[in-house]
PDB file of N, CA and C in Angstrom:
ATOM      1  N   MET A   1     -19.029  -3.084  -2.833  1.00  0.00           N
ATOM      2  CA  MET A   1     -17.948  -4.233  -2.616  1.00  0.00           C
ATOM      3  C   MET A   1     -17.890  -4.359  -0.584  1.00  0.00           C
ATOM      4  N   GLN A   2     -17.843  -5.664  -0.931  1.00  0.00           N
ATOM      5  CA  GLN A   2     -17.859  -6.358   0.717  1.00  0.00           C
ATOM      6  C   GLN A   2     -16.142  -5.817   1.704  1.00  0.00           C
ATOM      7  N   SER A   3     -16.294  -5.172   2.907  1.00  0.00           N
ATOM      8  CA  SER A   3     -15.493  -5.302   3.534  1.00  0.00           C
ATOM      9  C   SER A   3     -15.290  -6.253   4.374  1.00  0.00           C
ATOM     10  N   MET A   4     -13.469  -6.336   4.693  1.00  0.00           N
ATOM     11  CA  MET A   4     -13.323  -7.339   5.086  1.00  0.00           C
ATOM     12  C   MET A   4     -13.039  -6.960   6.705  1.00  0.00           C
ATOM     13  N   PRO A   5     -13.162  -8.268   7.546  1.00  0.00           N
ATOM     14  CA  PRO A   5     -13.138  -8.655   8.703  1.00  0.00           C
ATOM     15  C   PRO A   5     -12.021  -7.769   9.357  1.00  0.00           C
ATOM     16  N   ILE A   6     -11.331  -7.160  10.278  1.00  0.00           N
ATOM     17  CA  ILE A   6     -10.682  -7.048  10.996  1.00  0.00           C
ATOM     18  C   ILE A   6      -9.506  -8.082  11.275  1.00  0.00           C
ATOM     19  N   ASN A   7     -10.522  -9.211  11.666  1.00  0.00           N
ATOM     20  CA  ASN A   7      -9.648 -10.175  12.078  1.00  0.00           C
ATOM     21  C   ASN A   7      -9.042 -11.091  11.372  1.00  0.00           C
ATOM     22  N   ARG A   8      -9.460 -10.880   9.961  1.00  0.00           N
ATOM     23  CA  ARG A   8      -8.665 -11.675   8.520  1.00  0.00           C
ATOM     24  C   ARG A   8      -7.300 -11.427   8.029  1.00  0.00           C
ATOM     25  N   LEU A   9      -6.347 -12.234   7.964  1.00  0.00           N
ATOM     26  CA  LEU A   9      -5.374 -11.663   7.608  1.00  0.00           C
ATOM     27  C   LEU A   9      -4.963 -12.173   6.144  1.00  0.00           C
ATOM     28  N   LYS A  10      -3.733 -11.503   5.235  1.00  0.00           N
ATOM     29  CA  LYS A  10      -3.817 -12.260   4.189  1.00  0.00           C
ATOM     30  C   LYS A  10      -2.740 -13.161   4.467  1.00  0.00           C
ATOM     31  N   LEU A  11      -2.447 -14.007   3.899  1.00  0.00           N
ATOM     32  CA  LEU A  11      -0.922 -14.710   4.098  1.00  0.00           C
ATOM     33  C   LEU A  11       0.139 -14.313   4.412  1.00  0.00           C
ATOM     34  N   SER A  12       0.261 -13.094   3.542  1.00  0.00           N
ATOM     35  CA  SER A  12       2.051 -12.461   3.322  1.00  0.00           C
ATOM     36  C   SER A  12       1.702 -11.923   4.612  1.00  0.00           C
ATOM     37  N   ASP A  13       0.553 -11.048   5.168  1.00  0.00           N
ATOM     38  CA  ASP A  13       0.732 -10.450   6.454  1.00  0.00           C
ATOM     39  C   ASP A  13       1.195 -11.450   7.821  1.00  0.00           C
ATOM     40  N   ALA A  14       0.319 -12.794   7.617  1.00  0.00           N
ATOM     41  CA  ALA A  14       0.538 -13.864   8.497  1.00  0.00           C
ATOM     42  C   ALA A  14       2.213 -13.855   8.328  1.00  0.00           C
ATOM     43  N   VAL A  15       2.817 -14.348   7.468  1.00  0.00           N
ATOM     44  CA  VAL A  15       4.527 -14.211   7.787  1.00  0.00           C
ATOM     45  C   VAL A  15       5.028 -13.627   8.742  1.00  0.00           C
ATOM     46  N   GLY A  16       4.603 -12.609   9.428  1.00  0.00           N
ATOM     47  CA  GLY A  16       5.307 -11.678  10.131  1.00  0.00           C
ATOM     48  C   GLY A  16       4.736 -11.703  11.367  1.00  0.00           C
ATOM     49  N   ILE A  17       3.486 -12.677  11.561  1.00  0.00           N
ATOM     50  CA  ILE A  17       2.553 -12.621  12.435  1.00  0.00           C
ATOM     51  C   ILE A  17       3.505 -13.550  13.438  1.00  0.00           C
ATOM     52  N   LEU A  18       3.740 -14.751  12.297  1.00  0.00           N
ATOM     53  CA  LEU A  18       4.067 -15.967  12.562  1.00  0.00           C
ATOM     54  C   LEU A  18       5.311 -16.082  12.868  1.00  0.00           C
ATOM     55  N   LYS A  19       6.446 -15.032  12.747  1.00  0.00           N
ATOM     56  CA  LYS A  19       7.755 -14.896  12.734  1.00  0.00           C
ATOM     57  C   LYS A  19       7.741 -14.201  14.516  1.00  0.00           C
ATOM     58  N   ASN A  20       7.542 -13.349  15.169  1.00  0.00           N
ATOM     59  CA  ASN A  20       6.558 -12.931  16.105  1.00  0.00           C
ATOM     60  C   ASN A  20       6.470 -13.920  16.950  1.00  0.00           C
ATOM     61  N   MET A  21       5.857 -14.919  16.559  1.00  0.00           N
ATOM     62  CA  MET A  21       5.357 -16.135  17.693  1.00  0.00           C
ATOM     63  C   MET A  21       6.321 -17.166  17.958  1.00  0.00           C
ATOM     64  N   THR A  22       7.196 -17.326  16.627  1.00  0.00           N
ATOM     65  CA  THR A  22       8.098 -18.262  16.300  1.00  0.00           C
ATOM     66  C   THR A  22       8.892 -18.297  16.818  1.00  0.00           C
ATOM     67  N   GLY A  23       9.455 -17.391  16.164  1.00  0.00           N
ATOM     68  CA  GLY A  23      11.533 -16.599  15.931  1.00  0.00           C
ATOM     69  C   GLY A  23      11.655 -17.485  14.990  1.00  0.00           C
ATOM     70  N   VAL A  24      10.533 -17.798  13.982  1.00  0.00           N
ATOM     71  CA  VAL A  24      10.922 -18.778  12.785  1.00  0.00           C
ATOM     72  C   VAL A  24      10.472 -18.227  11.110  1.00  0.00           C
ATOM     73  N   THR A  25      11.049 -18.317  10.758  1.00  0.00           N
ATOM     74  CA  THR A  25      10.600 -17.081   9.248  1.00  0.00           C
ATOM     75  C   THR A  25       9.929 -18.456   8.611  1.00  0.00           C
ATOM     76  N   ARG A  26       8.922 -18.363   7.878  1.00  0.00           N
ATOM     77  CA  ARG A  26       8.452 -19.468   6.673  1.00  0.00           C
ATOM     78  C   ARG A  26       7.719 -18.296   5.174  1.00  0.00           C
ATOM     79  N   THR A  27       7.995 -18.983   4.700  1.00  0.00           N
ATOM     80  CA  THR A  27       7.114 -18.264   3.325  1.00  0.00           C
ATOM     81  C   THR A  27       5.372 -18.362   3.371  1.00  0.00           C
ATOM     82  N   ARG A  28       5.294 -17.372   2.619  1.00  0.00           N
ATOM     83  CA  ARG A  28       3.729 -17.272   2.156  1.00  0.00           C
ATOM     84  C   ARG A  28       2.780 -18.411   1.736  1.00  0.00           C
ATOM     85  N   HIS A  29       4.130 -18.944   0.708  1.00  0.00           N
ATOM     86  CA  HIS A  29       3.829 -20.378  -0.001  1.00  0.00           C
ATOM     87  C   HIS A  29       3.861 -21.752   0.800  1.00  0.00           C
ATOM     88  N   THR A  30       5.221 -21.736   1.393  1.00  0.00           N
ATOM     89  CA  THR A  30       4.615 -22.820   2.726  1.00  0.00           C
ATOM     90  C   THR A  30       3.664 -22.051   4.091  1.00  0.00           C
ATOM     91  N   ILE A  31       3.147 -21.766   4.156  1.00  0.00           N
ATOM     92  CA  ILE A  31       1.884 -21.294   4.697  1.00  0.00           C
ATOM     93  C   ILE A  31       0.641 -21.713   4.185  1.00  0.00           C
ATOM     94  N   TYR A  32       0.378 -21.555   3.203  1.00  0.00           N
ATOM     95  CA  TYR A  32      -0.593 -21.667   2.037  1.00  0.00           C
ATOM     96  C   TYR A  32      -1.214 -23.113   2.056  1.00  0.00           C
ATOM     97  N   ASN A  33       0.359 -24.241   1.946  1.00  0.00           N
ATOM     98  CA  ASN A  33       0.794 -25.073   1.439  1.00  0.00           C
ATOM     99  C   ASN A  33      -0.168 -25.600   3.198  1.00  0.00           C
ATOM    100  N   TRP A  34       0.810 -25.737   4.352  1.00  0.00           N
ATOM    101  CA  TRP A  34      -0.179 -25.774   5.441  1.00  0.00           C
ATOM    102  C   TRP A  34      -1.657 -25.561   5.478  1.00  0.00           C
ATOM    103  N   CYS A  35      -2.263 -24.624   4.310  1.00  0.00           N
ATOM    104  CA  CYS A  35      -3.800 -24.682   5.134  1.00  0.00           C
ATOM    105  C   CYS A  35      -4.385 -25.961   3.554  1.00  0.00           C
ATOM    106  N   ILE A  36      -3.619 -26.032   2.576  1.00  0.00           N
ATOM    107  CA  ILE A  36      -4.249 -26.738   1.866  1.00  0.00           C
ATOM    108  C   ILE A  36      -3.651 -28.517   1.756  1.00  0.00           C
ATOM    109  N   ASP A  37      -2.540 -28.577   1.719  1.00  0.00           N
ATOM    110  CA  ASP A  37      -2.256 -29.966   2.553  1.00  0.00           C
ATOM    111  C   ASP A  37      -1.798 -30.067   3.589  1.00  0.00           C
ATOM    112  N   GLY A  38      -1.556 -29.127   4.980  1.00  0.00           N
ATOM    113  CA  GLY A  38      -1.467 -29.633   6.196  1.00  0.00           C
ATOM    114  C   GLY A  38      -0.086 -29.643   6.108  1.00  0.00           C
ATOM    115  N   ARG A  39       0.347 -30.808   7.315  1.00  0.00           N
ATOM    116  CA  ARG A  39       1.262 -30.820   8.015  1.00  0.00           C
ATOM    117  C   ARG A  39       1.672 -31.456   9.018  1.00  0.00           C
ATOM    118  N   LEU A  40       2.208 -32.749   9.119  1.00  0.00           N
ATOM    119  CA  LEU A  40       1.880 -34.156   9.965  1.00  0.00           C
ATOM    120  C   LEU A  40       2.440 -33.858  11.731  1.00  0.00           C
ATOM    121  N   SER A  41       1.875 -33.502  12.516  1.00  0.00           N
ATOM    122  CA  SER A  41       2.139 -32.945  14.097  1.00  0.00           C
ATOM    123  C   SER A  41       3.181 -34.437  14.230  1.00  0.00           C
ATOM    124  N   TYR A  42       3.900 -33.932  15.557  1.00  0.00           N
ATOM    125  CA  TYR A  42       5.230 -34.879  16.447  1.00  0.00           C
ATOM    126  C   TYR A  42       4.328 -37.178  16.287  1.00  0.00           C
ATOM    127  N   SER A  43       2.752 -36.706  17.109  1.00  0.00           N
ATOM    128  CA  SER A  43       2.604 -37.344  17.020  1.00  0.00           C
ATOM    129  C   SER A  43       1.934 -38.585  15.937  1.00  0.00           C
ATOM    130  N   GLY A  44       1.924 -37.920  14.644  1.00  0.00           N
ATOM    131  CA  GLY A  44       1.587 -38.574  13.162  1.00  0.00           C
ATOM    132  C   GLY A  44       0.435 -38.203  12.570  1.00  0.00           C
ATOM    133  N   VAL A  45      -0.150 -37.168  12.900  1.00  0.00           N
ATOM    134  CA  VAL A  45      -1.667 -36.696  12.714  1.00  0.00           C
ATOM    135  C   VAL A  45      -1.194 -35.680  11.410  1.00  0.00           C
ATOM    136  N   ARG A  46      -1.962 -35.727  10.790  1.00  0.00           N
ATOM    137  CA  ARG A  46      -2.177 -34.247   9.585  1.00  0.00           C
ATOM    138  C   ARG A  46      -3.037 -33.430   9.956  1.00  0.00           C
ATOM    139  N   ILE A  47      -2.046 -31.863  10.686  1.00  0.00           N
ATOM    140  CA  ILE A  47      -2.873 -31.003  11.185  1.00  0.00           C
ATOM    141  C   ILE A  47      -2.833 -29.864   9.656  1.00  0.00           C
ATOM    142  N   TYR A  48      -4.339 -29.293   9.804  1.00  0.00           N
ATOM    143  CA  TYR A  48      -4.165 -28.190   8.624  1.00  0.00           C
ATOM    144  C   TYR A  48      -4.824 -26.797   9.621  1.00  0.00           C
ATOM    145  N   LEU A  49      -3.936 -25.681   8.396  1.00  0.00           N
ATOM    146  CA  LEU A  49      -3.778 -24.497   9.356  1.00  0.00           C
ATOM    147  C   LEU A  49      -5.810 -23.868   8.744  1.00  0.00           C
ATOM    148  N   GLY A  50      -6.205 -23.020   9.853  1.00  0.00           N
ATOM    149  CA  GLY A  50      -7.507 -23.035   9.102  1.00  0.00           C
ATOM    150  C   GLY A  50      -7.547 -21.420   8.511  1.00  0.00           C
ATOM    151  N   HIS A  51      -8.562 -21.946   7.634  1.00  0.00           N
ATOM    152  CA  HIS A  51      -8.158 -20.676   6.595  1.00  0.00           C
ATOM    153  C   HIS A  51      -9.480 -20.719   5.850  1.00  0.00           C
ATOM    154  N   GLU A  52     -10.247 -18.988   4.928  1.00  0.00           N
ATOM    155  CA  GLU A  52     -11.209 -19.321   4.460  1.00  0.00           C
ATOM    156  C   GLU A  52     -10.446 -18.150   3.173  1.00  0.00           C
ATOM    157  N   ILE A  53     -10.888 -18.846   1.831  1.00  0.00           N
ATOM    158  CA  ILE A  53     -10.782 -17.970   0.885  1.00  0.00           C
ATOM    159  C   ILE A  53     -11.677 -17.567   0.237  1.00  0.00           C
ATOM    160  N   VAL A  54     -11.564 -16.232  -0.189  1.00  0.00           N
ATOM    161  CA  VAL A  54     -12.498 -15.012  -0.048  1.00  0.00           C
ATOM    162  C   VAL A  54     -12.186 -14.758  -1.933  1.00  0.00           C
ATOM    163  N   LEU A  55     -13.092 -14.755  -2.657  1.00  0.00           N
ATOM    164  CA  LEU A  55     -12.338 -14.735  -4.365  1.00  0.00           C
ATOM    165  C   LEU A  55     -11.676 -14.691  -4.949  1.00  0.00           C
ATOM    166  N   GLY A  56     -11.079 -16.158  -4.478  1.00  0.00           N
ATOM    167  CA  GLY A  56      -9.670 -16.448  -4.851  1.00  0.00           C
ATOM    168  C   GLY A  56      -8.569 -16.265  -3.968  1.00  0.00           C
ATOM    169  N   ARG A  57      -8.355 -15.420  -2.960  1.00  0.00           N
ATOM    170  CA  ARG A  57      -7.415 -15.371  -2.163  1.00  0.00           C
ATOM    171  C   ARG A  57      -7.853 -16.276  -0.617  1.00  0.00           C
ATOM    172  N   CYS A  58      -6.624 -16.462  -0.080  1.00  0.00           N
ATOM    173  CA  CYS A  58      -6.254 -17.428   0.996  1.00  0.00           C
ATOM    174  C   CYS A  58      -6.500 -16.545   2.169  1.00  0.00           C
ATOM    175  N   TYR A  59      -6.951 -16.945   3.645  1.00  0.00           N
ATOM    176  CA  TYR A  59      -6.841 -15.647   3.979  1.00  0.00           C
ATOM    177  C   TYR A  59      -7.028 -15.857   5.624  1.00  0.00           C
ATOM    178  N   THR A  60      -6.361 -16.488   7.401  1.00  0.00           N
ATOM    179  CA  THR A  60      -6.198 -16.557   8.079  1.00  0.00           C
ATOM    180  C   THR A  60      -6.558 -15.849   9.153  1.00  0.00           C
ATOM    181  N   THR A  61      -6.276 -16.362  10.414  1.00  0.00           N
ATOM    182  CA  THR A  61      -6.722 -15.417  11.535  1.00  0.00           C
ATOM    183  C   THR A  61      -5.370 -15.452  12.451  1.00  0.00           C
ATOM    184  N   LYS A  62      -5.515 -14.641  13.522  1.00  0.00           N
ATOM    185  CA  LYS A  62      -4.244 -15.022  14.523  1.00  0.00           C
ATOM    186  C   LYS A  62      -4.482 -16.143  15.529  1.00  0.00           C
ATOM    187  N   ALA A  63      -5.430 -16.357  15.599  1.00  0.00           N
ATOM    188  CA  ALA A  63      -6.325 -16.981  16.366  1.00  0.00           C
ATOM    189  C   ALA A  63      -6.182 -18.869  15.679  1.00  0.00           C
ATOM    190  N   ASP A  64      -6.511 -19.328  14.507  1.00  0.00           N
ATOM    191  CA  ASP A  64      -6.249 -20.138  14.195  1.00  0.00           C
ATOM    192  C   ASP A  64      -4.669 -20.853  13.808  1.00  0.00           C
ATOM    193  N   LEU A  65      -3.622 -19.667  13.480  1.00  0.00           N
ATOM    194  CA  LEU A  65      -2.020 -19.194  13.901  1.00  0.00           C
ATOM    195  C   LEU A  65      -1.679 -20.235  14.840  1.00  0.00           C
ATOM    196  N   ARG A  66      -2.449 -19.554  16.315  1.00  0.00           N
ATOM    197  CA  ARG A  66      -1.901 -20.019  17.383  1.00  0.00           C
ATOM    198  C   ARG A  66      -2.399 -21.354  17.794  1.00  0.00           C
ATOM    199  N   LYS A  67      -3.951 -21.595  17.493  1.00  0.00           N
ATOM    200  CA  LYS A  67      -4.047 -22.887  17.349  1.00  0.00           C
ATOM    201  C   LYS A  67      -3.357 -23.968  16.890  1.00  0.00           C
ATOM    202  N   PHE A  68      -2.922 -23.895  15.363  1.00  0.00           N
ATOM    203  CA  PHE A  68      -2.128 -24.736  14.585  1.00  0.00           C
ATOM    204  C   PHE A  68      -0.903 -24.900  14.945  1.00  0.00           C
ATOM    205  N   ILE A  69      -0.327 -23.441  15.855  1.00  0.00           N
ATOM    206  CA  ILE A  69       1.108 -24.118  16.686  1.00  0.00           C
ATOM    207  C   ILE A  69       1.207 -25.085  17.235  1.00  0.00           C
ATOM    208  N   GLU A  70       0.088 -24.643  17.995  1.00  0.00           N
ATOM    209  CA  GLU A  70       0.387 -25.867  19.332  1.00  0.00           C
ATOM    210  C   GLU A  70      -0.757 -27.202  19.070  1.00  0.00           C
ATOM    211  N   GLU A  71      -1.153 -27.243  18.499  1.00  0.00           N
ATOM    212  CA  GLU A  71      -1.904 -28.688  17.443  1.00  0.00           C
ATOM    213  C   GLU A  71      -0.770 -29.010  17.386  1.00  0.00           C
ATOM    214  N   LEU A  72       0.498 -28.716  16.709  1.00  0.00           N
ATOM    215  CA  LEU A  72       1.854 -29.481  15.813  1.00  0.00           C
ATOM    216  C   LEU A  72       2.321 -30.058  17.087  1.00  0.00           C
ATOM    217  N   ARG A  73       2.568 -28.844  18.703  1.00  0.00           N
ATOM    218  CA  ARG A  73       3.916 -29.637  19.550  1.00  0.00           C
ATOM    219  C   ARG A  73       3.086 -30.598  20.333  1.00  0.00           C
ATOM    220  N   ILE A  74       1.922 -31.429  20.350  1.00  0.00           N
ATOM    221  CA  ILE A  74       1.467 -32.366  21.003  1.00  0.00           C
ATOM    222  C   ILE A  74       1.908 -33.600  20.611  1.00  0.00           C
TER     223      ILE A  74
END
């Protein structure tokens, strides 16, 4: 069995980290949609949350969350 790297987060764990970073609560489903469908930034560009799908499960990292939030604010 392959061990999971420390920096990879399940989307359910990303919910709490995102709340600590922004003060806003988002559901696991919303974060999944950001990975798959993206979100429009204020400048009108579609931004996607960096992710990796392993064995059918979606994972992201803290660095990807930070980058996604910064890109949305531009």
